[in-house]
C-alpha atoms as a PDB file:
ATOM      1  CA  GLY A   1      26.156 -21.691  -7.065  1.00  0.00           C
ATOM      2  CA  SER A   2      25.442 -24.844  -5.090  1.00  0.00           C
ATOM      3  CA  GLY A   3      23.858 -27.781  -6.765  1.00  0.00           C
ATOM      4  CA  VAL A   4      22.698 -31.288  -6.036  1.00  0.00           C
ATOM      5  CA  ALA A   5      24.220 -34.243  -7.698  1.00  0.00           C
ATOM      6  CA  LEU A   6      22.774 -37.714  -8.039  1.00  0.00           C
ATOM      7  CA  SER A   7      24.150 -40.631  -5.965  1.00  0.00           C
ATOM      8  CA  HIS A   8      23.589 -39.054  -2.564  1.00  0.00           C
ATOM      9  CA  GLU A   9      26.397 -36.491  -2.878  1.00  0.00           C
ATOM     10  CA  LEU A  10      25.789 -32.867  -2.302  1.00  0.00           C
ATOM     11  CA  HIS A  11      28.052 -30.638  -4.445  1.00  0.00           C
ATOM     12  CA  VAL A  12      28.709 -27.279  -2.937  1.00  0.00           C
ATOM     13  CA  ALA A  13      30.268 -24.048  -4.225  1.00  0.00           C
ATOM     14  CA  TRP A  14      31.028 -20.750  -2.630  1.00  0.00           C
ATOM     15  CA  PRO A  15      28.434 -18.148  -3.695  1.00  0.00           C
ATOM     16  CA  PRO A  16      29.782 -15.701  -6.132  1.00  0.00           C
ATOM     17  CA  ALA A  17      28.974 -12.384  -4.500  1.00  0.00           C
ATOM     18  CA  GLY A  18      29.051 -10.863  -1.015  1.00  0.00           C
ATOM     19  CA  THR A  19      30.954 -11.626   2.147  1.00  0.00           C
ATOM     20  CA  ARG A  20      30.422 -15.003   3.610  1.00  0.00           C
ATOM     21  CA  GLN A  21      31.003 -15.768   7.348  1.00  0.00           C
ATOM     22  CA  PRO A  22      31.613 -19.319   8.367  1.00  0.00           C
ATOM     23  CA  THR A  23      29.376 -20.540  11.249  1.00  0.00           C
ATOM     24  CA  PRO A  24      30.858 -22.358  14.237  1.00  0.00           C
ATOM     25  CA  HIS A  25      28.708 -25.267  13.330  1.00  0.00           C
ATOM     26  CA  HIS A  26      29.240 -26.034   9.666  1.00  0.00           C
ATOM     27  CA  PRO A  27      30.423 -24.433   6.459  1.00  0.00           C
ATOM     28  CA  LEU A  28      27.352 -25.661   4.590  1.00  0.00           C
ATOM     29  CA  ALA A  29      25.446 -22.996   6.248  1.00  0.00           C
ATOM     30  CA  LEU A  30      27.229 -20.600   3.864  1.00  0.00           C
ATOM     31  CA  LEU A  31      26.328 -22.684   0.837  1.00  0.00           C
ATOM     32  CA  CYS A  32      22.830 -23.939   0.978  1.00  0.00           C
ATOM     33  CA  PRO A  33      19.590 -23.001   2.803  1.00  0.00           C
ATOM     34  CA  ALA A  34      19.639 -23.834   6.477  1.00  0.00           C
ATOM     35  CA  ASP A  35      16.267 -25.496   5.907  1.00  0.00           C
ATOM     36  CA  PHE A  36      17.434 -27.680   2.942  1.00  0.00           C
ATOM     37  CA  PRO A  37      15.838 -30.747   4.596  1.00  0.00           C
ATOM     38  CA  ARG A  38      12.517 -28.969   4.857  1.00  0.00           C
ATOM     39  CA  TYR A  39      12.413 -28.321   1.067  1.00  0.00           C
ATOM     40  CA  PHE A  40      13.860 -31.752   0.113  1.00  0.00           C
ATOM     41  CA  PRO A  41      12.792 -34.093   2.907  1.00  0.00           C
ATOM     42  CA  GLU A  42      13.103 -37.143   0.735  1.00  0.00           C
ATOM     43  CA  GLU A  43      16.766 -36.490   0.087  1.00  0.00           C
ATOM     44  CA  SER A  44      19.575 -37.813   2.266  1.00  0.00           C
ATOM     45  CA  TYR A  45      23.256 -37.039   1.610  1.00  0.00           C
ATOM     46  CA  ALA A  46      26.212 -38.756   3.229  1.00  0.00           C
ATOM     47  CA  ILE A  47      28.850 -36.627   1.707  1.00  0.00           C
ATOM     48  CA  ALA A  48      29.405 -33.053   0.456  1.00  0.00           C
ATOM     49  CA  THR A  49      31.979 -32.354  -2.246  1.00  0.00           C
ATOM     50  CA  CYS A  50      33.651 -29.256  -3.508  1.00  0.00           C
ATOM     51  CA  HIS A  51      36.053 -28.721  -6.493  1.00  0.00           C
ATOM     52  CA  SER A  52      37.574 -25.263  -6.209  1.00  0.00           C
ATOM     53  CA  TRP A  53      40.710 -23.118  -6.228  1.00  0.00           C
ATOM     54  CA  MET A  54      39.482 -22.097  -2.775  1.00  0.00           C
ATOM     55  CA  LEU A  55      40.682 -25.426  -1.499  1.00  0.00           C
ATOM     56  CA  ASP A  56      44.301 -24.726  -2.601  1.00  0.00           C
ATOM     57  CA  ASP A  57      46.253 -25.100   0.616  1.00  0.00           C
ATOM     58  CA  GLN A  58      48.939 -22.727  -0.686  1.00  0.00           C
ATOM     59  CA  LEU A  59      46.605 -19.874   0.358  1.00  0.00           C
ATOM     60  CA  GLN A  60      47.790 -20.699   3.917  1.00  0.00           C
ATOM     61  CA  HIS A  61      51.174 -19.081   3.036  1.00  0.00           C
ATOM     62  CA  TYR A  62      49.514 -15.761   2.179  1.00  0.00           C
ATOM     63  CA  LEU A  63      46.240 -15.339   4.159  1.00  0.00           C
ATOM     64  CA  PRO A  64      45.795 -14.999   7.955  1.00  0.00           C
ATOM     65  CA  PRO A  65      44.490 -18.095   9.720  1.00  0.00           C
ATOM     66  CA  THR A  66      41.264 -16.194  10.564  1.00  0.00           C
ATOM     67  CA  SER A  67      40.423 -15.623   6.877  1.00  0.00           C
ATOM     68  CA  ASN A  68      37.141 -17.039   5.681  1.00  0.00           C
ATOM     69  CA  LEU A  69      38.733 -19.043   2.936  1.00  0.00           C
ATOM     70  CA  LEU A  70      41.214 -20.763   5.266  1.00  0.00           C
ATOM     71  CA  GLN A  71      38.423 -21.515   7.790  1.00  0.00           C
ATOM     72  CA  PHE A  72      36.357 -22.937   4.924  1.00  0.00           C
ATOM     73  CA  GLN A  73      39.204 -25.151   3.795  1.00  0.00           C
ATOM     74  CA  GLN A  74      39.611 -26.599   7.224  1.00  0.00           C
ATOM     75  CA  TRP A  75      36.273 -28.491   6.970  1.00  0.00           C
ATOM     76  CA  PHE A  76      37.353 -30.558   3.993  1.00  0.00           C
ATOM     77  CA  HIS A  77      39.476 -33.617   3.393  1.00  0.00           C
ATOM     78  CA  LEU A  78      41.618 -32.727   0.388  1.00  0.00           C
ATOM     79  CA  ALA A  79      42.692 -34.825  -2.525  1.00  0.00           C
ATOM     80  CA  PRO A  80      46.179 -34.186  -3.792  1.00  0.00           C
ATOM     81  CA  PRO A  81      46.536 -31.325  -6.308  1.00  0.00           C
ATOM     82  CA  THR A  82      46.759 -32.294  -9.878  1.00  0.00           C
ATOM     83  CA  THR A  83      46.866 -29.835 -12.781  1.00  0.00           C
ATOM     84  CA  PRO A  84      47.585 -26.047 -12.353  1.00  0.00           C
ATOM     85  CA  ASP A  85      44.431 -23.993 -12.731  1.00  0.00           C
ATOM     86  CA  ASP A  86      45.619 -20.362 -12.521  1.00  0.00           C
ATOM     87  CA  ALA A  87      42.696 -19.153 -14.721  1.00  0.00           C
ATOM     88  CA  ALA A  88      40.095 -20.208 -12.133  1.00  0.00           C
ATOM     89  CA  ILE A  89      41.474 -18.082  -9.353  1.00  0.00           C
ATOM     90  CA  ILE A  90      42.275 -15.085 -11.656  1.00  0.00           C
ATOM     91  CA  ASN A  91      38.764 -15.192 -13.091  1.00  0.00           C
ATOM     92  CA  TYR A  92      37.121 -15.246  -9.692  1.00  0.00           C
ATOM     93  CA  VAL A  93      39.357 -12.787  -7.920  1.00  0.00           C
ATOM     94  CA  PHE A  94      39.977 -10.260 -10.685  1.00  0.00           C
ATOM     95  CA  GLY A  95      37.109 -10.862 -13.040  1.00  0.00           C
ATOM     96  CA  ARG A  96      36.669 -13.074 -16.041  1.00  0.00           C
ATOM     97  CA  GLY A  97      39.100 -12.320 -18.894  1.00  0.00           C
ATOM     98  CA  THR A  98      41.465 -10.176 -16.771  1.00  0.00           C
ATOM     99  CA  ALA A  99      45.134 -10.448 -17.520  1.00  0.00           C
ATOM    100  CA  LEU A 100      47.400  -9.760 -14.656  1.00  0.00           C
ATOM    101  CA  THR A 101      50.028  -7.033 -15.326  1.00  0.00           C
ATOM    102  CA  ASN A 102      52.304  -4.869 -13.281  1.00  0.00           C
ATOM    103  CA  THR A 103      49.604  -2.198 -13.245  1.00  0.00           C
ATOM    104  CA  THR A 104      46.701  -4.463 -12.055  1.00  0.00           C
ATOM    105  CA  PRO A 105      45.394  -2.961  -8.837  1.00  0.00           C
ATOM    106  CA  LEU A 106      45.917  -5.058  -5.816  1.00  0.00           C
ATOM    107  CA  ARG A 107      43.429  -3.896  -3.261  1.00  0.00           C
ATOM    108  CA  THR A 108      42.824  -6.942  -1.043  1.00  0.00           C
ATOM    109  CA  SER A 109      44.975  -9.536   0.678  1.00  0.00           C
ATOM    110  CA  LEU A 110      43.659 -12.165  -1.615  1.00  0.00           C
ATOM    111  CA  GLU A 111      44.412 -10.141  -4.805  1.00  0.00           C
ATOM    112  CA  ARG A 112      47.935  -9.585  -3.433  1.00  0.00           C
ATOM    113  CA  ALA A 113      48.362 -13.251  -2.660  1.00  0.00           C
ATOM    114  CA  VAL A 114      47.260 -14.383  -6.082  1.00  0.00           C
ATOM    115  CA  ALA A 115      49.446 -11.935  -7.870  1.00  0.00           C
ATOM    116  CA  THR A 116      52.501 -12.463  -5.688  1.00  0.00           C
ATOM    117  CA  HIS A 117      52.384 -16.246  -6.057  1.00  0.00           C
ATOM    118  CA  LEU A 118      52.078 -16.059  -9.868  1.00  0.00           C
ATOM    119  CA  GLN A 119      54.734 -13.369 -10.204  1.00  0.00           C
ATOM    120  CA  THR A 120      57.166 -15.603  -8.263  1.00  0.00           C
ATOM    121  CA  GLY A 121      56.641 -18.476 -10.648  1.00  0.00           C
ATOM    122  CA  GLY A 122      54.056 -20.389  -8.638  1.00  0.00           C
ATOM    123  CA  HIS A 123      50.728 -21.907  -9.816  1.00  0.00           C
ATOM    124  CA  TRP A 124      47.348 -22.262  -8.209  1.00  0.00           C
ATOM    125  CA  TYR A 125      45.398 -25.518  -8.179  1.00  0.00           C
ATOM    126  CA  SER A 126      41.719 -26.325  -8.067  1.00  0.00           C
ATOM    127  CA  ARG A 127      41.412 -29.042  -5.495  1.00  0.00           C
ATOM    128  CA  ASP A 128      38.790 -31.696  -4.753  1.00  0.00           C
ATOM    129  CA  GLY A 129      37.551 -31.852  -1.196  1.00  0.00           C
ATOM    130  CA  TRP A 130      34.932 -33.804   0.700  1.00  0.00           C
ATOM    131  CA  LEU A 131      33.320 -33.841   4.108  1.00  0.00           C
ATOM    132  CA  LEU A 132      31.006 -36.334   5.793  1.00  0.00           C
ATOM    133  CA  LEU A 133      27.427 -35.269   6.515  1.00  0.00           C
ATOM    134  CA  ASN A 134      25.163 -36.539   9.248  1.00  0.00           C
ATOM    135  CA  GLU A 135      22.434 -38.233   7.143  1.00  0.00           C
ATOM    136  CA  SER A 136      19.716 -36.993   9.488  1.00  0.00           C
ATOM    137  CA  SER A 137      20.552 -33.305   9.503  1.00  0.00           C
ATOM    138  CA  MET A 138      22.394 -30.812   7.308  1.00  0.00           C
ATOM    139  CA  GLY A 139      23.284 -28.808  10.385  1.00  0.00           C
ATOM    140  CA  ASN A 140      25.072 -31.522  12.283  1.00  0.00           C
ATOM    141  CA  ALA A 141      27.702 -32.767   9.983  1.00  0.00           C
ATOM    142  CA  ASP A 142      31.368 -33.497  10.826  1.00  0.00           C
ATOM    143  CA  PRO A 143      32.157 -32.309  14.382  1.00  0.00           C
ATOM    144  CA  GLY A 144      34.788 -29.875  13.242  1.00  0.00           C
ATOM    145  CA  PRO A 145      37.566 -28.726  10.967  1.00  0.00           C
ATOM    146  CA  LYS A 146      39.887 -31.294   9.528  1.00  0.00           C
ATOM    147  CA  HIS A 147      43.240 -29.492   9.656  1.00  0.00           C
END
């Protein structure tokens, strides 16, 4: 889930269940309560960070531009990929402890993307990303997607 880190940085993570729809205003509406400032009025955050396989820009080769994941990615400035992290995407998409085989059911475009990329010798990366927040309001952060 989403959490709050010290040093005026808000760490966000995509919720583990259900469909999430990006808002036209800001992706943080997906990740933390819209009334965060009401519950924590003394807190002010200048930056939001995310470390996730969901920020792997290789997903752009497999998913349609309208996919929620690609729309989510567009809000973040991305650090370069470092070490492959295939287990993170496999555990999230297929379930913890799942081993991909030729008989693993591929029901969604994301499942097909993950499997195809790995079967062709590719690797997935968990990436670090960040976005600037308007210090006065969670709902009025960066004016738009980065990419």
